[in-house]
Protein backbone atom coordinates (compact mmCIF):
# COMPACT_ATOMS: atom_id res chain seq x y z
CA MET A 1 140.95 57.74 33.86
CA GLU A 2 140.31 58.85 37.41
CA GLY A 3 144.01 59.72 37.92
CA GLY A 4 144.04 61.73 34.69
CA ALA A 5 140.98 63.70 35.77
CA ARG A 6 142.58 64.38 39.12
CA ALA A 7 145.76 65.66 37.39
CA ARG A 8 143.74 67.93 35.15
CA ARG A 9 141.87 69.37 38.14
CA SER A 10 145.22 69.97 39.89
CA ALA A 11 146.61 71.72 36.79
CA ARG A 12 143.55 73.94 36.64
CA MET A 13 143.98 74.87 40.32
CA THR A 14 147.60 75.88 39.86
CA ALA A 15 146.99 77.79 36.63
CA ALA A 16 146.37 81.54 36.80
CA VAL A 17 142.69 82.04 37.62
CA PRO A 18 141.44 85.34 36.21
CA ALA A 19 139.27 87.22 38.69
CA SER A 20 135.62 87.75 37.98
CA GLU A 21 134.82 91.22 36.72
CA ARG A 22 133.18 92.10 40.02
CA THR A 23 136.26 91.01 41.95
CA ARG A 24 138.52 92.83 39.49
CA LEU A 25 136.62 96.07 39.99
CA ALA A 26 136.91 95.60 43.75
CA TRP A 27 140.70 95.25 43.51
CA LEU A 28 140.97 98.31 41.29
CA ALA A 29 138.73 100.38 43.55
CA ALA A 30 140.82 99.27 46.53
CA TYR A 31 143.94 100.42 44.65
CA GLY A 32 142.43 103.87 44.11
CA LEU A 33 141.46 104.24 47.77
CA VAL A 34 144.76 102.99 49.19
CA ASN A 35 146.80 105.00 46.70
CA PHE A 36 144.98 108.16 47.80
CA LEU A 37 145.45 107.46 51.50
CA ALA A 38 149.13 106.55 51.06
CA PHE A 39 149.97 110.26 50.69
CA PRO A 40 149.56 112.98 53.34
CA HIS A 41 146.17 114.71 53.67
CA PRO A 42 144.84 117.16 56.26
CA LEU A 43 142.57 115.62 58.88
CA GLY A 44 141.03 118.07 61.33
CA GLU A 45 143.88 120.00 62.92
CA GLY A 46 146.42 117.33 62.01
CA VAL A 47 147.68 115.39 59.00
CA LEU A 48 146.82 111.81 58.04
CA ASP A 49 150.16 110.38 56.93
CA VAL A 50 150.20 106.56 56.95
CA GLY A 51 151.90 105.76 53.65
CA TRP A 52 154.58 103.75 55.47
CA ALA A 53 151.86 101.17 56.17
CA LEU A 54 149.51 101.52 53.18
CA ALA A 55 151.98 101.98 50.32
CA TRP A 56 152.61 98.23 50.08
CA PHE A 57 148.96 97.55 49.23
CA SER A 58 148.80 100.01 46.34
CA PRO A 59 150.86 97.98 43.80
CA ALA A 60 149.44 94.73 45.19
CA PHE A 61 145.84 95.72 44.48
CA LEU A 62 146.69 97.13 41.05
CA LEU A 63 148.46 93.91 40.00
CA LEU A 64 145.55 91.81 41.25
CA GLY A 65 143.18 93.99 39.25
CA LEU A 66 145.26 93.49 36.10
CA GLU A 67 145.59 89.72 36.56
CA GLY A 68 144.83 87.68 33.44
CA LEU A 69 144.14 90.62 31.11
CA ALA A 70 145.28 90.75 27.49
CA VAL A 71 147.69 93.54 26.59
CA ALA A 72 145.20 95.92 24.95
CA ARG A 73 142.62 95.59 27.69
CA ALA A 74 145.27 95.88 30.39
CA ALA A 75 146.35 99.19 28.86
CA ARG A 76 142.78 100.50 28.92
CA VAL A 77 142.13 99.31 32.47
CA GLY A 78 145.50 100.63 33.65
CA PHE A 79 144.86 104.03 32.13
CA VAL A 80 141.38 104.51 33.61
CA THR A 81 142.37 103.21 37.04
CA VAL A 82 145.55 105.25 37.42
CA TRP A 83 143.89 108.29 35.82
CA LEU A 84 141.00 108.33 38.30
CA ALA A 85 143.20 107.52 41.28
CA ASN A 86 145.57 110.40 40.52
CA ALA A 87 142.77 112.83 39.69
CA ALA A 88 141.63 112.31 43.28
CA ILE A 89 145.13 113.08 44.61
CA LEU A 90 145.38 116.12 42.35
CA HIS A 91 142.12 117.67 43.57
CA TRP A 92 144.19 120.66 44.76
CA VAL A 93 144.54 121.77 41.13
CA TYR A 94 141.01 123.19 41.49
CA VAL A 95 142.33 125.66 44.09
CA VAL A 96 145.24 126.61 41.83
CA THR A 97 143.14 127.23 38.74
CA VAL A 98 139.91 128.68 40.17
CA VAL A 99 140.66 130.28 43.55
CA HIS A 100 144.03 131.77 42.57
CA GLY A 101 144.10 131.45 38.79
CA GLY A 102 140.69 133.00 38.15
CA ALA A 103 139.49 130.20 35.85
CA PRO A 104 135.78 129.28 35.65
CA PRO A 105 134.71 126.53 38.11
CA ALA A 106 134.06 124.14 35.21
CA ILE A 107 137.71 124.42 34.18
CA GLY A 108 138.73 123.85 37.78
CA VAL A 109 136.70 120.64 37.98
CA LEU A 110 138.23 119.36 34.75
CA SER A 111 141.80 120.40 35.57
CA PRO A 112 142.69 117.50 37.94
CA PHE A 113 141.44 115.04 35.32
CA LEU A 114 143.41 116.73 32.56
CA LEU A 115 146.61 116.73 34.60
CA ALA A 116 145.99 113.15 35.72
CA THR A 117 145.85 112.11 32.06
CA TYR A 118 149.65 112.41 31.97
CA VAL A 119 149.96 109.99 34.88
CA GLY A 120 147.23 107.76 33.47
CA LEU A 121 149.16 107.28 30.23
CA HIS A 122 152.13 106.07 32.24
CA GLY A 123 149.77 103.74 34.10
CA ALA A 124 148.59 102.38 30.75
CA ALA A 125 152.20 101.76 29.72
CA PHE A 126 152.91 99.88 32.95
CA ALA A 127 149.78 97.74 32.61
CA ALA A 128 150.40 96.92 28.96
CA VAL A 129 154.04 95.92 29.43
CA TRP A 130 153.19 93.96 32.57
CA ALA A 131 150.42 92.03 30.77
CA TRP A 132 152.76 91.31 27.85
CA LEU A 133 155.47 89.98 30.19
CA ALA A 134 153.03 88.02 32.38
CA ARG A 135 151.61 86.20 29.34
CA ARG A 136 155.14 85.11 28.48
CA GLY A 137 155.90 83.78 31.92
CA ALA A 138 158.04 86.73 33.02
CA GLY A 139 155.64 88.37 35.47
CA SER A 140 157.68 88.09 38.67
CA PRO A 141 157.74 90.56 41.60
CA LEU A 142 161.29 91.56 40.65
CA VAL A 143 160.17 92.40 37.12
CA ALA A 144 157.17 94.35 38.44
CA ALA A 145 159.50 96.44 40.63
CA MET A 146 161.92 97.14 37.76
CA LEU A 147 159.07 98.08 35.43
CA TRP A 148 157.53 100.42 38.03
CA VAL A 149 160.87 102.20 38.52
CA VAL A 150 161.29 102.61 34.77
CA ILE A 151 157.80 104.14 34.46
CA ASP A 152 158.49 106.49 37.39
CA HIS A 153 161.75 107.51 35.75
CA LEU A 154 159.88 108.33 32.53
CA ARG A 155 157.57 110.55 34.60
CA SER A 156 160.61 112.54 35.73
CA PHE A 157 161.47 113.86 32.26
CA LEU A 158 158.97 112.90 29.55
CA LEU A 159 157.25 116.09 28.30
CA THR A 160 159.26 117.99 30.98
CA GLY A 161 158.07 115.54 33.65
CA PHE A 162 155.51 115.50 36.45
CA PRO A 163 156.53 113.04 39.21
CA TRP A 164 153.96 114.14 41.82
CA ALA A 165 152.78 111.39 44.21
CA GLU A 166 155.09 108.65 42.99
CA ILE A 167 154.87 105.62 45.27
CA GLY A 168 158.36 106.05 46.75
CA TYR A 169 157.30 109.31 48.43
CA ALA A 170 154.65 107.44 50.42
CA GLN A 171 157.54 105.92 52.42
CA HIS A 172 158.91 109.29 53.57
CA GLU A 173 157.93 108.54 57.19
CA ASN A 174 159.48 105.07 57.09
CA SER A 175 162.79 105.96 58.74
CA LEU A 176 163.92 102.32 58.50
CA LEU A 177 163.81 102.36 54.69
CA MET A 178 164.87 105.96 54.07
CA PRO A 179 168.62 105.13 54.09
CA ILE A 180 168.07 103.38 50.75
CA ALA A 181 167.44 106.78 49.13
CA ALA A 182 171.05 107.84 49.81
CA TRP A 183 172.12 105.18 47.28
CA THR A 184 169.26 104.96 44.80
CA GLY A 185 167.22 108.12 45.13
CA VAL A 186 163.48 107.85 45.68
CA TYR A 187 163.44 105.14 43.01
CA GLY A 188 164.92 102.61 45.45
CA LEU A 189 162.02 103.20 47.84
CA ALA A 190 159.61 102.65 44.94
CA PHE A 191 161.46 99.45 43.98
CA VAL A 192 161.27 97.97 47.48
CA THR A 193 157.62 99.01 47.90
CA VAL A 194 156.52 97.46 44.61
CA LEU A 195 158.65 94.37 45.22
CA GLY A 196 156.84 93.86 48.51
CA GLY A 197 153.48 94.75 46.99
CA ALA A 198 153.94 92.29 44.12
CA ALA A 199 154.93 89.56 46.59
CA LEU A 200 151.80 90.40 48.60
CA ALA A 201 149.72 90.07 45.43
CA GLY A 202 151.29 86.64 44.83
CA TRP A 203 150.55 85.68 48.42
CA ILE A 204 146.88 86.71 48.03
CA SER A 205 146.56 84.85 44.71
CA ALA A 206 147.97 81.69 46.30
CA TRP A 207 145.61 82.00 49.27
CA ARG A 208 142.62 82.37 46.94
CA ARG A 209 143.61 79.06 45.33
CA SER A 210 144.23 77.38 48.70
CA LEU A 211 147.95 77.16 47.97
CA TRP A 212 151.04 78.06 49.95
CA PRO A 213 152.87 81.20 48.84
CA SER A 214 155.79 80.64 46.51
CA ARG A 215 159.34 80.45 47.79
CA GLU A 216 160.02 83.72 45.94
CA CYS A 217 157.34 85.57 47.93
CA VAL A 218 158.74 84.24 51.21
CA VAL A 219 162.30 85.28 50.28
CA ILE A 220 161.09 88.78 49.34
CA ALA A 221 159.24 89.16 52.65
CA LEU A 222 162.37 88.13 54.55
CA THR A 223 164.53 90.48 52.48
CA ILE A 224 162.28 93.46 53.16
CA GLY A 225 162.32 92.59 56.84
CA LEU A 226 166.13 92.50 56.70
CA LEU A 227 166.23 95.93 55.03
CA HIS A 228 164.13 97.35 57.86
CA GLY A 229 166.49 95.74 60.36
CA LEU A 230 169.52 97.29 58.70
CA GLY A 231 167.73 100.64 58.71
CA SER A 232 167.16 100.37 62.44
CA LEU A 233 170.90 99.86 62.97
CA GLU A 234 171.62 103.07 61.07
CA LEU A 235 169.18 104.96 63.29
CA LEU A 236 171.30 103.95 66.27
CA GLU A 237 174.25 105.86 64.81
CA GLN A 238 174.58 109.35 66.22
CA ASP A 239 174.70 112.37 63.94
CA ASP A 240 178.20 113.61 63.17
CA GLY A 241 178.85 116.20 65.87
CA SER A 242 182.11 117.19 64.21
CA ALA A 243 180.39 118.89 61.27
CA THR A 244 180.51 122.68 61.00
CA THR A 245 177.14 124.17 61.88
CA VAL A 246 175.52 127.46 61.02
CA ARG A 247 172.41 128.99 62.59
CA VAL A 248 169.84 129.44 59.85
CA ALA A 249 166.32 130.89 59.83
CA ALA A 250 163.39 130.15 57.53
CA ILE A 251 160.92 133.06 57.38
CA GLN A 252 157.25 132.43 56.64
CA GLY A 253 155.37 135.67 56.03
CA SER A 254 152.03 134.00 55.28
CA VAL A 255 151.00 136.65 52.74
CA ASP A 256 147.65 135.83 51.16
CA GLN A 257 148.03 134.75 47.54
CA GLY A 258 145.06 136.85 46.48
CA ALA A 259 146.73 140.04 47.74
CA LYS A 260 150.34 139.06 47.11
CA TRP A 261 150.75 140.92 43.84
CA SER A 262 148.78 143.97 44.90
CA PRO A 263 150.96 147.13 44.69
CA GLU A 264 149.26 148.40 47.85
CA ARG A 265 150.60 145.40 49.82
CA TYR A 266 154.19 145.73 48.62
CA VAL A 267 155.40 148.02 51.40
CA ASP A 268 153.51 146.06 54.05
CA THR A 269 155.07 142.82 52.80
CA LEU A 270 158.57 144.30 52.90
CA GLU A 271 158.06 145.58 56.43
CA LEU A 272 156.67 142.19 57.54
CA TYR A 273 159.72 140.30 56.30
CA ASP A 274 162.03 142.97 57.71
CA ARG A 275 160.45 142.54 61.15
CA LEU A 276 160.51 138.73 61.08
CA SER A 277 164.13 138.75 59.86
CA ARG A 278 165.26 140.94 62.74
CA LYS A 279 163.49 138.55 65.10
CA ALA A 280 165.46 135.65 63.57
CA VAL A 281 168.77 137.51 63.83
CA ALA A 282 168.00 138.28 67.48
CA GLN A 283 167.92 134.48 67.95
CA GLY A 284 171.39 134.19 66.42
CA ALA A 285 170.59 133.44 62.77
CA ARG A 286 173.52 134.06 60.42
CA LEU A 287 171.63 133.09 57.25
CA VAL A 288 168.01 134.22 56.78
CA VAL A 289 165.87 132.63 54.06
CA TRP A 290 162.78 134.27 52.55
CA PRO A 291 160.31 132.25 50.42
CA GLU A 292 159.86 132.19 46.66
CA THR A 293 158.72 135.62 45.37
CA ALA A 294 158.54 136.86 48.97
CA LEU A 295 158.90 140.29 47.37
CA PRO A 296 156.50 140.30 44.42
CA GLY A 297 158.46 142.57 42.16
CA ALA A 298 161.71 143.15 40.27
CA ILE A 299 163.95 144.55 43.01
CA GLU A 300 166.72 145.23 40.47
CA LEU A 301 164.45 147.90 38.99
CA ASP A 302 163.60 149.48 42.35
CA VAL A 303 166.68 151.21 43.75
CA GLU A 304 164.94 152.21 46.98
CA VAL A 305 163.90 148.64 47.82
CA ALA A 306 167.28 147.24 46.80
CA ASP A 307 169.07 149.73 49.06
CA ARG A 308 166.77 148.85 51.96
CA LEU A 309 167.54 145.14 51.59
CA LEU A 310 171.28 145.74 51.45
CA ALA A 311 171.02 147.97 54.51
CA LEU A 312 169.11 145.22 56.35
CA ALA A 313 171.96 142.78 55.69
CA ARG A 314 174.58 145.31 56.86
CA GLU A 315 172.68 146.25 60.00
CA THR A 316 171.93 142.68 61.07
CA ARG A 317 175.32 141.29 59.97
CA ALA A 318 173.55 138.30 58.42
CA ALA A 319 173.37 136.86 54.90
CA TYR A 320 170.04 136.58 53.09
CA VAL A 321 168.40 134.49 50.40
CA ILE A 322 165.44 136.47 49.07
CA GLY A 323 162.87 135.22 46.59
CA ALA A 324 161.87 137.90 44.08
CA VAL A 325 161.56 138.59 40.36
CA GLY A 326 164.76 138.70 38.33
CA VAL A 327 165.08 140.44 34.97
CA ARG A 328 167.38 140.61 31.97
CA GLN A 329 167.65 143.90 30.11
CA ASN A 330 168.88 144.83 26.69
CA PRO A 331 172.19 146.61 27.42
CA GLN A 332 171.63 149.12 24.61
CA THR A 333 167.99 150.05 25.11
CA GLY A 334 167.39 149.03 28.74
CA GLU A 335 164.29 147.14 27.60
CA ILE A 336 163.40 144.09 29.70
CA THR A 337 163.80 140.97 27.56
CA ASP A 338 163.28 138.23 30.18
CA TYR A 339 161.67 137.73 33.59
CA TYR A 340 162.87 135.05 36.03
CA ASP A 341 161.69 133.40 39.22
CA SER A 342 164.85 134.18 41.19
CA ALA A 343 166.65 133.93 44.51
CA PHE A 344 168.85 136.94 45.37
CA VAL A 345 171.81 136.27 47.64
CA LEU A 346 173.12 139.04 49.93
CA ASP A 347 176.18 138.57 52.12
CA ALA A 348 176.71 139.76 55.70
CA GLU A 349 178.51 142.87 54.41
CA GLY A 350 175.37 144.03 52.64
CA ARG A 351 176.49 143.16 49.11
CA ALA A 352 174.42 141.49 46.40
CA VAL A 353 176.70 138.57 45.52
CA ASP A 354 174.63 136.36 43.24
CA ARG A 355 171.24 135.57 41.75
CA TYR A 356 169.99 132.06 41.05
CA ASP A 357 167.22 131.75 38.45
CA LYS A 358 164.77 128.86 38.56
CA SER A 359 165.65 126.56 35.69
CA HIS A 360 162.81 123.99 35.61
CA LEU A 361 159.55 125.85 35.11
CA VAL A 362 155.95 124.71 35.55
CA PRO A 363 154.29 124.12 32.16
CA PHE A 364 150.97 126.02 31.94
CA GLY A 365 151.86 127.50 35.33
CA GLU A 366 154.82 129.74 34.48
CA TYR A 367 154.85 129.35 30.72
CA VAL A 368 152.67 127.96 27.95
CA PRO A 369 154.31 125.20 25.88
CA PHE A 370 153.88 125.60 22.14
CA ARG A 371 152.74 129.16 22.66
CA GLY A 372 152.48 129.67 18.92
CA LEU A 373 149.68 127.08 18.84
CA LEU A 374 148.13 127.44 22.28
CA GLY A 375 148.80 131.06 23.19
CA GLY A 376 145.47 132.22 21.79
CA LEU A 377 143.58 129.74 23.97
CA LEU A 378 145.61 129.53 27.19
CA ASP A 379 147.62 131.71 29.48
CA ALA A 380 149.97 130.74 32.29
CA VAL A 381 148.25 130.40 35.65
CA ALA A 382 151.04 132.05 37.67
CA ARG A 383 150.52 135.53 36.33
CA GLY A 384 152.32 138.34 38.15
CA ILE A 385 155.99 137.46 37.71
CA ALA A 386 156.01 138.23 34.00
CA PRO A 387 153.66 139.92 31.51
CA LEU A 388 153.71 136.75 29.41
CA ASP A 389 155.98 133.75 30.15
CA VAL A 390 158.69 133.28 32.76
CA SER A 391 162.13 132.43 31.36
CA ALA A 392 164.23 129.50 32.57
CA GLY A 393 167.63 129.94 34.19
CA ASP A 394 170.79 128.13 33.16
CA GLY A 395 170.49 125.15 35.49
CA PRO A 396 171.35 123.85 38.98
CA ARG A 397 174.54 125.34 40.44
CA ALA A 398 175.89 126.10 43.88
CA VAL A 399 176.05 129.72 45.09
CA GLU A 400 178.77 131.01 47.41
CA VAL A 401 178.02 133.50 50.17
CA ASP A 402 180.05 134.99 53.03
CA LEU A 403 178.29 134.72 56.41
CA GLY A 404 180.88 136.85 58.17
CA PRO A 405 183.34 136.20 61.03
CA GLY A 406 183.27 132.78 62.65
CA VAL A 407 181.59 131.07 59.68
CA GLY A 408 183.07 132.53 56.52
CA ARG A 409 182.10 131.41 53.06
CA ILE A 410 179.72 128.54 52.45
CA ARG A 411 178.11 127.15 49.31
CA LEU A 412 174.34 126.86 48.97
CA GLY A 413 172.03 125.02 46.62
CA ILE A 414 168.79 126.96 46.13
CA PRO A 415 166.15 124.79 44.44
CA ILE A 416 163.06 126.89 43.80
CA CYS A 417 159.62 125.29 44.19
CA TYR A 418 158.95 122.94 41.22
CA GLU A 419 162.64 122.03 40.94
CA LEU A 420 162.25 120.10 44.21
CA LEU A 421 160.19 117.44 42.41
CA PHE A 422 163.20 116.23 40.43
CA PRO A 423 165.84 114.11 42.20
CA ASP A 424 168.58 114.46 39.61
CA ARG A 425 168.18 118.23 39.42
CA VAL A 426 168.55 118.70 43.18
CA ARG A 427 171.39 116.18 43.24
CA ARG A 428 173.34 118.43 40.88
CA PHE A 429 173.27 121.33 43.35
CA VAL A 430 175.21 119.20 45.84
CA ASP A 431 177.41 117.70 43.16
CA ASP A 432 178.44 121.28 42.35
CA GLY A 433 179.60 121.73 45.93
CA ALA A 434 176.51 122.91 47.83
CA GLN A 435 176.92 122.24 51.56
CA LEU A 436 173.33 123.11 52.43
CA LEU A 437 170.05 123.09 50.50
CA VAL A 438 167.93 126.22 50.80
CA ALA A 439 164.51 125.39 49.34
CA ILE A 440 162.21 128.31 48.68
CA THR A 441 158.62 127.90 47.56
CA ASN A 442 155.17 129.47 47.53
CA ASP A 443 152.64 126.79 48.43
CA ALA A 444 149.84 129.31 48.97
CA TRP A 445 148.55 128.16 45.57
CA TYR A 446 147.41 124.87 47.11
CA GLY A 447 145.23 126.21 49.92
CA ARG A 448 144.50 123.88 52.84
CA THR A 449 144.68 120.71 50.76
CA GLY A 450 147.09 117.81 51.04
CA ALA A 451 149.46 119.35 48.50
CA PRO A 452 151.65 121.38 50.92
CA HIS A 453 152.20 118.26 53.04
CA GLN A 454 152.86 116.09 49.98
CA PHE A 455 155.35 118.66 48.73
CA LEU A 456 157.10 118.63 52.11
CA ALA A 457 157.45 114.84 51.80
CA MET A 458 159.13 115.26 48.41
CA THR A 459 161.48 117.88 49.84
CA ALA A 460 162.41 115.49 52.65
CA LEU A 461 163.44 112.90 50.07
CA ARG A 462 165.82 115.39 48.48
CA SER A 463 167.69 115.62 51.80
CA ALA A 464 167.69 111.84 52.26
CA GLU A 465 169.06 111.42 48.73
CA THR A 466 171.86 113.98 49.00
CA GLY A 467 172.78 113.83 52.69
CA ALA A 468 172.44 117.63 52.87
CA TRP A 469 170.21 119.37 55.40
CA THR A 470 167.42 121.46 53.89
CA VAL A 471 166.05 124.76 55.15
CA ARG A 472 162.62 125.14 53.53
CA ALA A 473 160.99 128.57 53.48
CA ALA A 474 157.41 128.58 52.18
CA ASN A 475 155.23 131.68 51.92
CA THR A 476 152.25 130.16 53.77
CA GLY A 477 153.85 126.86 54.85
CA VAL A 478 154.90 124.24 55.32
CA SER A 479 158.29 125.75 56.21
CA ALA A 480 160.67 123.22 57.72
CA ILE A 481 164.13 122.20 58.85
CA ILE A 482 165.02 118.77 57.43
CA ASP A 483 168.10 116.77 58.37
CA GLY A 484 170.39 114.82 56.06
CA ARG A 485 168.41 111.61 56.61
CA GLY A 486 165.15 113.16 55.45
CA ARG A 487 163.66 113.65 58.93
CA VAL A 488 161.67 116.82 59.52
CA ARG A 489 163.22 118.35 62.66
CA ALA A 490 160.93 121.41 62.82
CA GLU A 491 157.96 122.63 60.79
CA SER A 492 155.50 125.51 60.75
CA ALA A 493 151.74 125.53 60.74
CA LEU A 494 149.93 126.52 57.55
CA PHE A 495 148.82 130.12 56.98
CA GLU A 496 150.51 131.56 60.06
CA PRO A 497 153.57 133.86 60.14
CA ALA A 498 156.51 131.87 61.49
CA VAL A 499 160.25 132.02 62.14
CA LEU A 500 162.12 128.71 62.30
CA VAL A 501 165.67 128.97 63.64
CA ALA A 502 168.04 126.01 63.91
CA ASP A 503 171.72 125.09 64.03
CA VAL A 504 172.24 123.22 60.79
CA PRO A 505 175.29 121.02 60.02
CA LEU A 506 177.03 121.66 56.71
CA LEU A 507 178.48 119.12 54.33
CA ALA A 508 182.26 119.39 54.13
CA ALA A 509 183.41 121.95 51.56
CA GLY A 510 185.02 120.81 48.33
CA ALA A 511 184.23 119.50 44.89
CA GLY A 512 181.11 117.36 45.05
CA ALA A 513 180.54 118.47 48.67
CA ARG A 514 182.58 115.89 50.56
CA GLY A 515 180.31 113.89 52.81
CA ALA A 516 177.52 113.90 50.24
CA SER A 517 175.70 110.64 49.54
CA PRO A 518 176.54 107.95 46.96
CA TYR A 519 173.48 109.11 45.01
CA VAL A 520 175.10 112.52 44.53
CA ARG A 521 178.27 110.91 43.18
CA LEU A 522 176.69 108.11 41.14
CA GLY A 523 173.43 109.64 39.96
CA ASP A 524 170.70 107.35 38.63
CA VAL A 525 172.84 104.23 38.26
CA PHE A 526 170.17 102.20 40.03
CA VAL A 527 167.53 103.40 37.58
CA GLY A 528 169.85 102.49 34.71
CA SER A 529 170.19 98.96 36.10
CA CYS A 530 166.38 98.66 36.18
CA TRP A 531 166.21 99.75 32.54
CA ILE A 532 168.81 97.15 31.59
CA GLY A 533 167.17 94.43 33.68
CA LEU A 534 163.77 95.12 32.13
CA LEU A 535 165.22 95.14 28.60
CA VAL A 536 167.02 91.82 29.14
CA THR A 537 163.86 90.29 30.62
CA SER A 538 161.76 91.50 27.69
CA VAL A 539 164.20 90.13 25.09
CA ARG A 540 164.28 86.74 26.81
CA ALA A 541 160.49 86.67 27.07
CA ALA A 542 160.15 87.49 23.37
CA ARG A 543 162.64 84.76 22.43
CA ARG A 544 160.84 82.19 24.58
CA GLN A 545 157.57 83.13 22.96
CA GLY A 546 159.16 82.89 19.52
CA SER A 547 160.55 79.44 20.29
CA ALA A 548 157.18 78.29 21.64
CA ASP A 549 155.40 79.57 18.54
CA ALA A 550 157.92 77.79 16.30
CA GLU A 551 157.46 74.51 18.18
CA GLU A 552 153.70 74.85 17.93
CA ARG A 553 153.92 75.43 14.18
CA GLY A 554 156.24 72.44 13.81
CA ALA A 555 153.95 70.18 15.82
CA SER A 556 150.80 71.14 13.93
CA PRO A 557 149.68 68.76 11.12
CA GLU A 558 150.33 69.88 7.59
């Protein structure tokens, strides 16, 4: 009798002990706080950027908060928790909609919550699937990591996608883990982070029950330590000094968003960028990069401005990438049929050689989805480029430009603003032969919030994934030079005119840009393996549950 009671007490101790509601709320609140702090935010004159340390706690606290919940309740709790946590991160949407978009303050207050709903639904999906698997004995750290990657992947394309502040980006300052991105994209960083976080959650659960952590948690901790050790060895390797380099300049005009589209400022803006460009060329720049819509107008329709830009390239003997408005005209009538967010490429001979049109647009920012239904209620926030909606270009492709004697022709990838959020899209620039990424953006929309710094972190991951250096020109900052390992070598201050000049190594020329990373060549193979692993795990869990149910029915009295 006494031995049986002791065995039952032991079984109860080792069984999953659902947290009290008060404790559960504490874990979920801790998740929201840590998740917010895991991404860069301004702090005084500097930036608080400690995701390399805090990111591990984010999945750990969420999993502890979901512990023991049934599927339906887990979905509800997951939605509300992730929704509120991401609404806090997306507070900058108020600046976009009210300060620069002209919306009423009430709309601005609601906007972060509305946008966070998209992320919250993915959080609900994660929580529901995790609860379903956990109740069938399949809730391991490895499964949590695979499931998280799958959910992040869905965020990259479902309803056009919105992968802002995914957990992998919180590791952008962790130089010891960044080499993983060259093989797996940002998803590998998310996988390792959640794997460690889930092991940490298991460690905490064991401690709360006065138990030793499982062997699995110990192995995961050792594995993550080994990955950091391997990353440190790669840091000891010197950069390839044999690569061809080109001196490139990123120009930051710091033109106020409120006055940017004013016709009265057009000439002043042109003269500002002319002056800063000549300063860059005086420092030896052979390629000069202006930000997204640096010239707020259709330069193809303004012969005088177009001639001035071509003359600037001829006089300075430098090539230019210039953000401006592109148009398509009806060849018969001359009527404008489409407006584009474009990058115009001028060579060192003063010739317009190409135009790249942004191909992944911002829904409700540059166009209104389902305009037939919503057009009477909503308008795109980013008014100015087009009278109605901006049109999408054909897709990522490399652009060739001649930099003149001593350098010759090179191939550029020119992701424009929102395109930088999508790993596969930027990967395709390099797969098409781009030797250098030239990222142009206008982050003035975000004001002095954390968004410009968070966007810089995402841009850094694109370099780490592809192995290509990135020259980032932003209207009001942060402009930056980023190396092929995702390290920011130089950056500008916000809302100050700046000229960044650097000697930038090029990937070797050729199909697929020889020297590019495995991620460029293989794409999202790692993500595909997570999908397969999760599917196999789910099928096995369902079969085990089916067998258990059948045994229970067979054992029950008739």
